[in-house]
């Protein structure tokens, strides 16, 4: 007699919850990272406990629900503890919209010799603050676009914690700016293009990849390297022309 393999089914209590994050079938769940799925569900349903995480693990691994032993549960919890922050995916239309606003900000610096980088901080789909590089005009090397925007947003919101805010910036932030992003607990960092020389998200450092220091910020990017690097490349090409 042939032994039938176990065919998992999404339990009823999970079905509507998974729909909220765009998972409407077992096939989609199987193509997802169950740890990230649980993290996103926890943001929407804070009362969910590790039993949901164990159920997700069983579902994606074709195991019967409630079949994990103590050691298996410990390993699943340990894997989740080492997961970097992930939030509900942003619509591409929103990413493009706010990065375009950041790019518009960057172009305002072309006449004052500042490096053309723009930043926009968004909360609840509303622009809270913007920023451009002001290191020359303020004679202050810390006045990068990201820090200018973070400072303005903190003043407007009356708090130094920006945990419900997303930061859109045209170029990958440097190490100084990533530090400010971490300390202000920005929820998402969305950047347009890489910064090969000083980028601290991917290019030179991966400062947001340390779970011991980053428990709040998800990094998304580069979105379109050619598009968002263009203004910066044109700026430095112009600077290299003799007598300019």
C-alpha atoms as a PDB file:
ATOM      1  CA  UNK A   1       0.000   0.000   0.000  1.00  0.00           C
ATOM      2  CA  UNK A   2       1.461   3.375  -1.025  1.00  0.00           C
ATOM      3  CA  UNK A   3       2.119   5.900   1.726  1.00  0.00           C
ATOM      4  CA  UNK A   4       0.404   9.195   1.039  1.00  0.00           C
ATOM      5  CA  UNK A   5       2.552  12.309   1.401  1.00  0.00           C
ATOM      6  CA  UNK A   6       1.285  15.132   3.615  1.00  0.00           C
ATOM      7  CA  UNK A   7      -0.426  17.936   1.657  1.00  0.00           C
ATOM      8  CA  UNK A   8      -0.450  21.130   3.752  1.00  0.00           C
ATOM      9  CA  UNK A   9      -3.364  23.529   3.838  1.00  0.00           C
ATOM     10  CA  UNK A  10      -3.331  27.080   5.171  1.00  0.00           C
ATOM     11  CA  UNK A  11      -5.304  27.078   8.433  1.00  0.00           C
ATOM     12  CA  UNK A  12      -8.412  29.219   8.482  1.00  0.00           C
ATOM     13  CA  UNK A  13      -7.072  31.699  11.070  1.00  0.00           C
ATOM     14  CA  UNK A  14      -4.153  32.547   8.765  1.00  0.00           C
ATOM     15  CA  UNK A  15      -5.963  32.926   5.459  1.00  0.00           C
ATOM     16  CA  UNK A  16      -7.342  36.465   5.877  1.00  0.00           C
ATOM     17  CA  UNK A  17      -4.144  37.621   7.549  1.00  0.00           C
ATOM     18  CA  UNK A  18      -1.987  36.393   4.684  1.00  0.00           C
ATOM     19  CA  UNK A  19      -4.272  38.149   2.228  1.00  0.00           C
ATOM     20  CA  UNK A  20      -3.347  41.440   3.903  1.00  0.00           C
ATOM     21  CA  UNK A  21       0.242  41.005   2.741  1.00  0.00           C
ATOM     22  CA  UNK A  22      -0.649  39.754  -0.731  1.00  0.00           C
ATOM     23  CA  UNK A  23      -0.406  36.001  -0.164  1.00  0.00           C
ATOM     24  CA  UNK A  24      -3.605  34.435  -1.484  1.00  0.00           C
ATOM     25  CA  UNK A  25      -2.485  30.860  -2.055  1.00  0.00           C
ATOM     26  CA  UNK A  26      -0.242  28.148  -0.689  1.00  0.00           C
ATOM     27  CA  UNK A  27       1.888  28.463  -3.828  1.00  0.00           C
ATOM     28  CA  UNK A  28       2.673  32.102  -3.029  1.00  0.00           C
ATOM     29  CA  UNK A  29       3.473  31.203   0.546  1.00  0.00           C
ATOM     30  CA  UNK A  30       5.853  28.479  -0.615  1.00  0.00           C
ATOM     31  CA  UNK A  31       7.661  31.064  -2.755  1.00  0.00           C
ATOM     32  CA  UNK A  32       8.058  33.409   0.226  1.00  0.00           C
ATOM     33  CA  UNK A  33      10.474  33.513   3.131  1.00  0.00           C
ATOM     34  CA  UNK A  34       8.374  32.298   6.052  1.00  0.00           C
ATOM     35  CA  UNK A  35      10.426  34.380   8.502  1.00  0.00           C
ATOM     36  CA  UNK A  36       9.715  37.597   6.591  1.00  0.00           C
ATOM     37  CA  UNK A  37       6.051  36.605   6.256  1.00  0.00           C
ATOM     38  CA  UNK A  38       5.795  36.232  10.039  1.00  0.00           C
ATOM     39  CA  UNK A  39       7.588  39.542  10.599  1.00  0.00           C
ATOM     40  CA  UNK A  40       5.167  41.338   8.282  1.00  0.00           C
ATOM     41  CA  UNK A  41       2.174  39.671   9.947  1.00  0.00           C
ATOM     42  CA  UNK A  42       3.439  40.733  13.383  1.00  0.00           C
ATOM     43  CA  UNK A  43       3.435  44.354  12.244  1.00  0.00           C
ATOM     44  CA  UNK A  44      -0.247  44.057  11.343  1.00  0.00           C
ATOM     45  CA  UNK A  45      -1.250  41.708  14.163  1.00  0.00           C
ATOM     46  CA  UNK A  46       1.027  42.301  17.179  1.00  0.00           C
ATOM     47  CA  UNK A  47      -0.775  39.673  19.258  1.00  0.00           C
ATOM     48  CA  UNK A  48       0.448  36.824  17.027  1.00  0.00           C
ATOM     49  CA  UNK A  49       2.818  34.529  18.888  1.00  0.00           C
ATOM     50  CA  UNK A  50       5.465  31.974  17.953  1.00  0.00           C
ATOM     51  CA  UNK A  51       2.809  29.333  17.266  1.00  0.00           C
ATOM     52  CA  UNK A  52       2.037  31.201  14.036  1.00  0.00           C
ATOM     53  CA  UNK A  53       5.735  31.165  13.150  1.00  0.00           C
ATOM     54  CA  UNK A  54       5.842  27.417  13.765  1.00  0.00           C
ATOM     55  CA  UNK A  55       2.737  26.928  11.601  1.00  0.00           C
ATOM     56  CA  UNK A  56       4.346  28.892   8.760  1.00  0.00           C
ATOM     57  CA  UNK A  57       7.505  26.799   9.039  1.00  0.00           C
ATOM     58  CA  UNK A  58       5.444  23.607   8.858  1.00  0.00           C
ATOM     59  CA  UNK A  59       3.466  24.866   5.872  1.00  0.00           C
ATOM     60  CA  UNK A  60       6.496  25.801   3.754  1.00  0.00           C
ATOM     61  CA  UNK A  61       8.292  22.579   4.659  1.00  0.00           C
ATOM     62  CA  UNK A  62       5.340  20.278   4.033  1.00  0.00           C
ATOM     63  CA  UNK A  63       5.032  19.180   7.652  1.00  0.00           C
ATOM     64  CA  UNK A  64       1.866  18.606   9.662  1.00  0.00           C
ATOM     65  CA  UNK A  65       0.933  21.520  11.893  1.00  0.00           C
ATOM     66  CA  UNK A  66       1.964  21.199  15.554  1.00  0.00           C
ATOM     67  CA  UNK A  67       4.567  18.583  14.660  1.00  0.00           C
ATOM     68  CA  UNK A  68       7.760  20.402  15.711  1.00  0.00           C
ATOM     69  CA  UNK A  69       9.739  19.194  18.685  1.00  0.00           C
ATOM     70  CA  UNK A  70      11.477  21.456  21.208  1.00  0.00           C
ATOM     71  CA  UNK A  71      14.789  21.551  19.324  1.00  0.00           C
ATOM     72  CA  UNK A  72      13.114  22.391  16.014  1.00  0.00           C
ATOM     73  CA  UNK A  73      11.141  25.199  17.631  1.00  0.00           C
ATOM     74  CA  UNK A  74      14.327  26.567  19.189  1.00  0.00           C
ATOM     75  CA  UNK A  75      16.072  26.637  15.801  1.00  0.00           C
ATOM     76  CA  UNK A  76      13.111  28.396  14.150  1.00  0.00           C
ATOM     77  CA  UNK A  77      13.001  31.041  16.906  1.00  0.00           C
ATOM     78  CA  UNK A  78      16.770  31.520  16.621  1.00  0.00           C
ATOM     79  CA  UNK A  79      16.493  32.068  12.856  1.00  0.00           C
ATOM     80  CA  UNK A  80      13.774  34.660  13.423  1.00  0.00           C
ATOM     81  CA  UNK A  81      15.874  36.449  16.046  1.00  0.00           C
ATOM     82  CA  UNK A  82      18.601  36.968  13.426  1.00  0.00           C
ATOM     83  CA  UNK A  83      16.251  38.323  10.758  1.00  0.00           C
ATOM     84  CA  UNK A  84      16.831  41.895   9.626  1.00  0.00           C
ATOM     85  CA  UNK A  85      13.804  44.244   9.524  1.00  0.00           C
ATOM     86  CA  UNK A  86      11.253  43.774   6.728  1.00  0.00           C
ATOM     87  CA  UNK A  87       7.984  45.634   6.379  1.00  0.00           C
ATOM     88  CA  UNK A  88       4.924  45.344   4.189  1.00  0.00           C
ATOM     89  CA  UNK A  89       6.116  45.842   0.580  1.00  0.00           C
ATOM     90  CA  UNK A  90       5.647  49.324  -0.836  1.00  0.00           C
ATOM     91  CA  UNK A  91       3.776  49.815  -4.110  1.00  0.00           C
ATOM     92  CA  UNK A  92       6.217  50.592  -6.915  1.00  0.00           C
ATOM     93  CA  UNK A  93       4.161  53.646  -7.789  1.00  0.00           C
ATOM     94  CA  UNK A  94       4.832  55.092  -4.315  1.00  0.00           C
ATOM     95  CA  UNK A  95       8.548  54.375  -4.564  1.00  0.00           C
ATOM     96  CA  UNK A  96       8.759  56.110  -7.934  1.00  0.00           C
ATOM     97  CA  UNK A  97       6.672  59.057  -6.748  1.00  0.00           C
ATOM     98  CA  UNK A  98       8.757  59.897  -3.696  1.00  0.00           C
ATOM     99  CA  UNK A  99      12.104  59.199  -5.324  1.00  0.00           C
ATOM    100  CA  UNK A 100      11.098  61.616  -8.071  1.00  0.00           C
ATOM    101  CA  UNK A 101      10.411  64.219  -5.387  1.00  0.00           C
ATOM    102  CA  UNK A 102      13.841  63.518  -3.949  1.00  0.00           C
ATOM    103  CA  UNK A 103      15.348  63.893  -7.415  1.00  0.00           C
ATOM    104  CA  UNK A 104      13.544  67.218  -7.806  1.00  0.00           C
ATOM    105  CA  UNK A 105      15.115  68.337  -4.529  1.00  0.00           C
ATOM    106  CA  UNK A 106      18.552  67.306  -5.770  1.00  0.00           C
ATOM    107  CA  UNK A 107      18.265  69.507  -8.868  1.00  0.00           C
ATOM    108  CA  UNK A 108      17.746  72.601  -6.689  1.00  0.00           C
ATOM    109  CA  UNK A 109      21.395  72.443  -5.605  1.00  0.00           C
ATOM    110  CA  UNK A 110      22.923  72.713  -9.068  1.00  0.00           C
ATOM    111  CA  UNK A 111      23.436  76.483  -8.851  1.00  0.00           C
ATOM    112  CA  UNK A 112      25.138  76.620  -5.453  1.00  0.00           C
ATOM    113  CA  UNK A 113      27.936  74.104  -6.019  1.00  0.00           C
ATOM    114  CA  UNK A 114      26.472  71.525  -3.622  1.00  0.00           C
ATOM    115  CA  UNK A 115      26.614  67.837  -4.523  1.00  0.00           C
ATOM    116  CA  UNK A 116      23.137  67.130  -6.011  1.00  0.00           C
ATOM    117  CA  UNK A 117      21.538  64.671  -3.621  1.00  0.00           C
ATOM    118  CA  UNK A 118      17.933  64.957  -2.474  1.00  0.00           C
ATOM    119  CA  UNK A 119      16.040  63.334   0.377  1.00  0.00           C
ATOM    120  CA  UNK A 120      12.351  63.111   1.304  1.00  0.00           C
ATOM    121  CA  UNK A 121      10.828  61.781   4.525  1.00  0.00           C
ATOM    122  CA  UNK A 122       7.323  60.334   4.326  1.00  0.00           C
ATOM    123  CA  UNK A 123       4.873  59.349   7.069  1.00  0.00           C
ATOM    124  CA  UNK A 124       1.432  57.893   6.365  1.00  0.00           C
ATOM    125  CA  UNK A 125       1.851  58.708   2.670  1.00  0.00           C
ATOM    126  CA  UNK A 126       2.478  62.383   3.453  1.00  0.00           C
ATOM    127  CA  UNK A 127       5.741  64.264   2.898  1.00  0.00           C
ATOM    128  CA  UNK A 128       6.981  65.434   6.302  1.00  0.00           C
ATOM    129  CA  UNK A 129      10.336  66.960   5.368  1.00  0.00           C
ATOM    130  CA  UNK A 130      12.844  67.287   2.539  1.00  0.00           C
ATOM    131  CA  UNK A 131      16.573  67.876   2.428  1.00  0.00           C
ATOM    132  CA  UNK A 132      19.458  68.644   0.106  1.00  0.00           C
ATOM    133  CA  UNK A 133      23.189  68.785   0.639  1.00  0.00           C
ATOM    134  CA  UNK A 134      24.143  71.999   2.451  1.00  0.00           C
ATOM    135  CA  UNK A 135      27.730  71.305   3.464  1.00  0.00           C
ATOM    136  CA  UNK A 136      29.104  74.313   1.545  1.00  0.00           C
ATOM    137  CA  UNK A 137      26.342  76.834   2.231  1.00  0.00           C
ATOM    138  CA  UNK A 138      26.377  75.959   5.972  1.00  0.00           C
ATOM    139  CA  UNK A 139      30.142  75.328   6.209  1.00  0.00           C
ATOM    140  CA  UNK A 140      29.202  72.094   7.962  1.00  0.00           C
ATOM    141  CA  UNK A 141      30.325  68.712   6.674  1.00  0.00           C
ATOM    142  CA  UNK A 142      27.468  66.965   8.523  1.00  0.00           C
ATOM    143  CA  UNK A 143      24.775  68.716   6.491  1.00  0.00           C
ATOM    144  CA  UNK A 144      24.108  65.922   4.048  1.00  0.00           C
ATOM    145  CA  UNK A 145      20.648  65.693   2.491  1.00  0.00           C
ATOM    146  CA  UNK A 146      19.592  62.770   4.694  1.00  0.00           C
ATOM    147  CA  UNK A 147      20.615  64.472   7.938  1.00  0.00           C
ATOM    148  CA  UNK A 148      18.988  67.760   6.903  1.00  0.00           C
ATOM    149  CA  UNK A 149      15.722  65.906   6.201  1.00  0.00           C
ATOM    150  CA  UNK A 150      15.925  63.881   9.437  1.00  0.00           C
ATOM    151  CA  UNK A 151      16.548  67.026  11.503  1.00  0.00           C
ATOM    152  CA  UNK A 152      13.625  68.838   9.911  1.00  0.00           C
ATOM    153  CA  UNK A 153      11.281  65.863  10.345  1.00  0.00           C
ATOM    154  CA  UNK A 154      12.230  65.484  14.007  1.00  0.00           C
ATOM    155  CA  UNK A 155      11.444  69.160  14.650  1.00  0.00           C
ATOM    156  CA  UNK A 156       8.134  68.984  12.799  1.00  0.00           C
ATOM    157  CA  UNK A 157       7.019  65.787  14.562  1.00  0.00           C
ATOM    158  CA  UNK A 158       8.417  66.812  17.931  1.00  0.00           C
ATOM    159  CA  UNK A 159      10.380  63.608  18.422  1.00  0.00           C
ATOM    160  CA  UNK A 160      13.810  62.259  17.594  1.00  0.00           C
ATOM    161  CA  UNK A 161      12.342  58.814  16.917  1.00  0.00           C
ATOM    162  CA  UNK A 162      11.096  58.522  13.335  1.00  0.00           C
ATOM    163  CA  UNK A 163      10.010  54.890  13.534  1.00  0.00           C
ATOM    164  CA  UNK A 164       6.886  55.442  11.423  1.00  0.00           C
ATOM    165  CA  UNK A 165       8.747  57.329   8.687  1.00  0.00           C
ATOM    166  CA  UNK A 166      10.343  56.250   5.422  1.00  0.00           C
ATOM    167  CA  UNK A 167      13.366  58.032   3.971  1.00  0.00           C
ATOM    168  CA  UNK A 168      13.725  58.314   0.195  1.00  0.00           C
ATOM    169  CA  UNK A 169      17.109  59.492  -1.073  1.00  0.00           C
ATOM    170  CA  UNK A 170      18.524  59.654  -4.579  1.00  0.00           C
ATOM    171  CA  UNK A 171      21.920  58.171  -3.708  1.00  0.00           C
ATOM    172  CA  UNK A 172      23.048  55.410  -1.333  1.00  0.00           C
ATOM    173  CA  UNK A 173      23.855  57.062   2.037  1.00  0.00           C
ATOM    174  CA  UNK A 174      27.347  57.333   3.472  1.00  0.00           C
ATOM    175  CA  UNK A 175      28.397  55.856   6.825  1.00  0.00           C
ATOM    176  CA  UNK A 176      27.619  59.078   8.697  1.00  0.00           C
ATOM    177  CA  UNK A 177      24.096  59.230   7.298  1.00  0.00           C
ATOM    178  CA  UNK A 178      23.427  55.543   7.915  1.00  0.00           C
ATOM    179  CA  UNK A 179      24.371  56.180  11.536  1.00  0.00           C
ATOM    180  CA  UNK A 180      21.803  58.983  11.729  1.00  0.00           C
ATOM    181  CA  UNK A 181      19.221  56.748  10.049  1.00  0.00           C
ATOM    182  CA  UNK A 182      19.824  54.005  12.620  1.00  0.00           C
ATOM    183  CA  UNK A 183      19.676  56.338  15.621  1.00  0.00           C
ATOM    184  CA  UNK A 184      16.493  58.026  14.412  1.00  0.00           C
ATOM    185  CA  UNK A 185      14.948  54.574  13.791  1.00  0.00           C
ATOM    186  CA  UNK A 186      13.797  55.321  10.270  1.00  0.00           C
ATOM    187  CA  UNK A 187      11.477  52.498   9.212  1.00  0.00           C
ATOM    188  CA  UNK A 188      12.505  52.144   5.582  1.00  0.00           C
ATOM    189  CA  UNK A 189      15.430  53.561   3.628  1.00  0.00           C
ATOM    190  CA  UNK A 190      14.725  53.652  -0.103  1.00  0.00           C
ATOM    191  CA  UNK A 191      17.625  54.812  -2.284  1.00  0.00           C
ATOM    192  CA  UNK A 192      17.795  55.359  -6.008  1.00  0.00           C
ATOM    193  CA  UNK A 193      21.389  54.613  -6.980  1.00  0.00           C
ATOM    194  CA  UNK A 194      24.594  53.190  -5.554  1.00  0.00           C
ATOM    195  CA  UNK A 195      27.445  55.373  -4.343  1.00  0.00           C
ATOM    196  CA  UNK A 196      30.493  53.219  -5.231  1.00  0.00           C
ATOM    197  CA  UNK A 197      33.047  55.268  -3.275  1.00  0.00           C
ATOM    198  CA  UNK A 198      31.343  55.951   0.038  1.00  0.00           C
ATOM    199  CA  UNK A 199      28.052  54.021   0.079  1.00  0.00           C
ATOM    200  CA  UNK A 200      27.449  52.363   3.443  1.00  0.00           C
ATOM    201  CA  UNK A 201      24.448  50.172   2.610  1.00  0.00           C
ATOM    202  CA  UNK A 202      25.949  47.983  -0.125  1.00  0.00           C
ATOM    203  CA  UNK A 203      28.945  49.532  -1.883  1.00  0.00           C
ATOM    204  CA  UNK A 204      31.668  49.984   0.768  1.00  0.00           C
ATOM    205  CA  UNK A 205      29.957  48.930   3.993  1.00  0.00           C
ATOM    206  CA  UNK A 206      26.852  46.959   4.850  1.00  0.00           C
ATOM    207  CA  UNK A 207      26.104  48.889   7.987  1.00  0.00           C
ATOM    208  CA  UNK A 208      22.422  47.948   8.067  1.00  0.00           C
ATOM    209  CA  UNK A 209      23.167  44.229   7.935  1.00  0.00           C
ATOM    210  CA  UNK A 210      24.174  43.974  11.599  1.00  0.00           C
ATOM    211  CA  UNK A 211      21.173  42.717  13.562  1.00  0.00           C
ATOM    212  CA  UNK A 212      22.875  43.796  16.815  1.00  0.00           C
ATOM    213  CA  UNK A 213      22.654  47.453  15.794  1.00  0.00           C
ATOM    214  CA  UNK A 214      19.800  47.457  13.289  1.00  0.00           C
ATOM    215  CA  UNK A 215      16.439  46.343  14.609  1.00  0.00           C
ATOM    216  CA  UNK A 216      14.314  49.002  12.895  1.00  0.00           C
ATOM    217  CA  UNK A 217      15.417  49.928   9.356  1.00  0.00           C
ATOM    218  CA  UNK A 218      14.778  48.048   6.131  1.00  0.00           C
ATOM    219  CA  UNK A 219      16.959  49.028   3.164  1.00  0.00           C
ATOM    220  CA  UNK A 220      15.437  48.992  -0.335  1.00  0.00           C
ATOM    221  CA  UNK A 221      17.567  49.761  -3.367  1.00  0.00           C
ATOM    222  CA  UNK A 222      19.134  50.600  -5.669  1.00  0.00           C
ATOM    223  CA  UNK A 223      15.896  51.266  -7.533  1.00  0.00           C
ATOM    224  CA  UNK A 224      17.269  52.577 -10.845  1.00  0.00           C
ATOM    225  CA  UNK A 225      21.011  53.130 -10.844  1.00  0.00           C
ATOM    226  CA  UNK A 226      21.184  54.839 -14.244  1.00  0.00           C
ATOM    227  CA  UNK A 227      18.343  57.268 -13.584  1.00  0.00           C
ATOM    228  CA  UNK A 228      19.251  58.426 -10.092  1.00  0.00           C
ATOM    229  CA  UNK A 229      23.026  58.502 -10.569  1.00  0.00           C
ATOM    230  CA  UNK A 230      22.770  60.724 -13.652  1.00  0.00           C
ATOM    231  CA  UNK A 231      22.626  64.095 -11.852  1.00  0.00           C
ATOM    232  CA  UNK A 232      25.589  63.162  -9.671  1.00  0.00           C
ATOM    233  CA  UNK A 233      27.645  61.992 -12.637  1.00  0.00           C
ATOM    234  CA  UNK A 234      26.873  65.158 -14.584  1.00  0.00           C
ATOM    235  CA  UNK A 235      27.847  67.298 -11.591  1.00  0.00           C
ATOM    236  CA  UNK A 236      31.273  65.724 -11.212  1.00  0.00           C
ATOM    237  CA  UNK A 237      31.871  65.670 -14.976  1.00  0.00           C
ATOM    238  CA  UNK A 238      31.218  69.429 -15.020  1.00  0.00           C
ATOM    239  CA  UNK A 239      33.553  69.916 -12.039  1.00  0.00           C
ATOM    240  CA  UNK A 240      36.376  68.231 -13.920  1.00  0.00           C
ATOM    241  CA  UNK A 241      36.280  70.758 -16.744  1.00  0.00           C
ATOM    242  CA  UNK A 242      39.371  73.038 -16.375  1.00  0.00           C
ATOM    243  CA  UNK A 243      38.851  76.516 -14.835  1.00  0.00           C
ATOM    244  CA  UNK A 244      35.405  75.613 -13.446  1.00  0.00           C
END
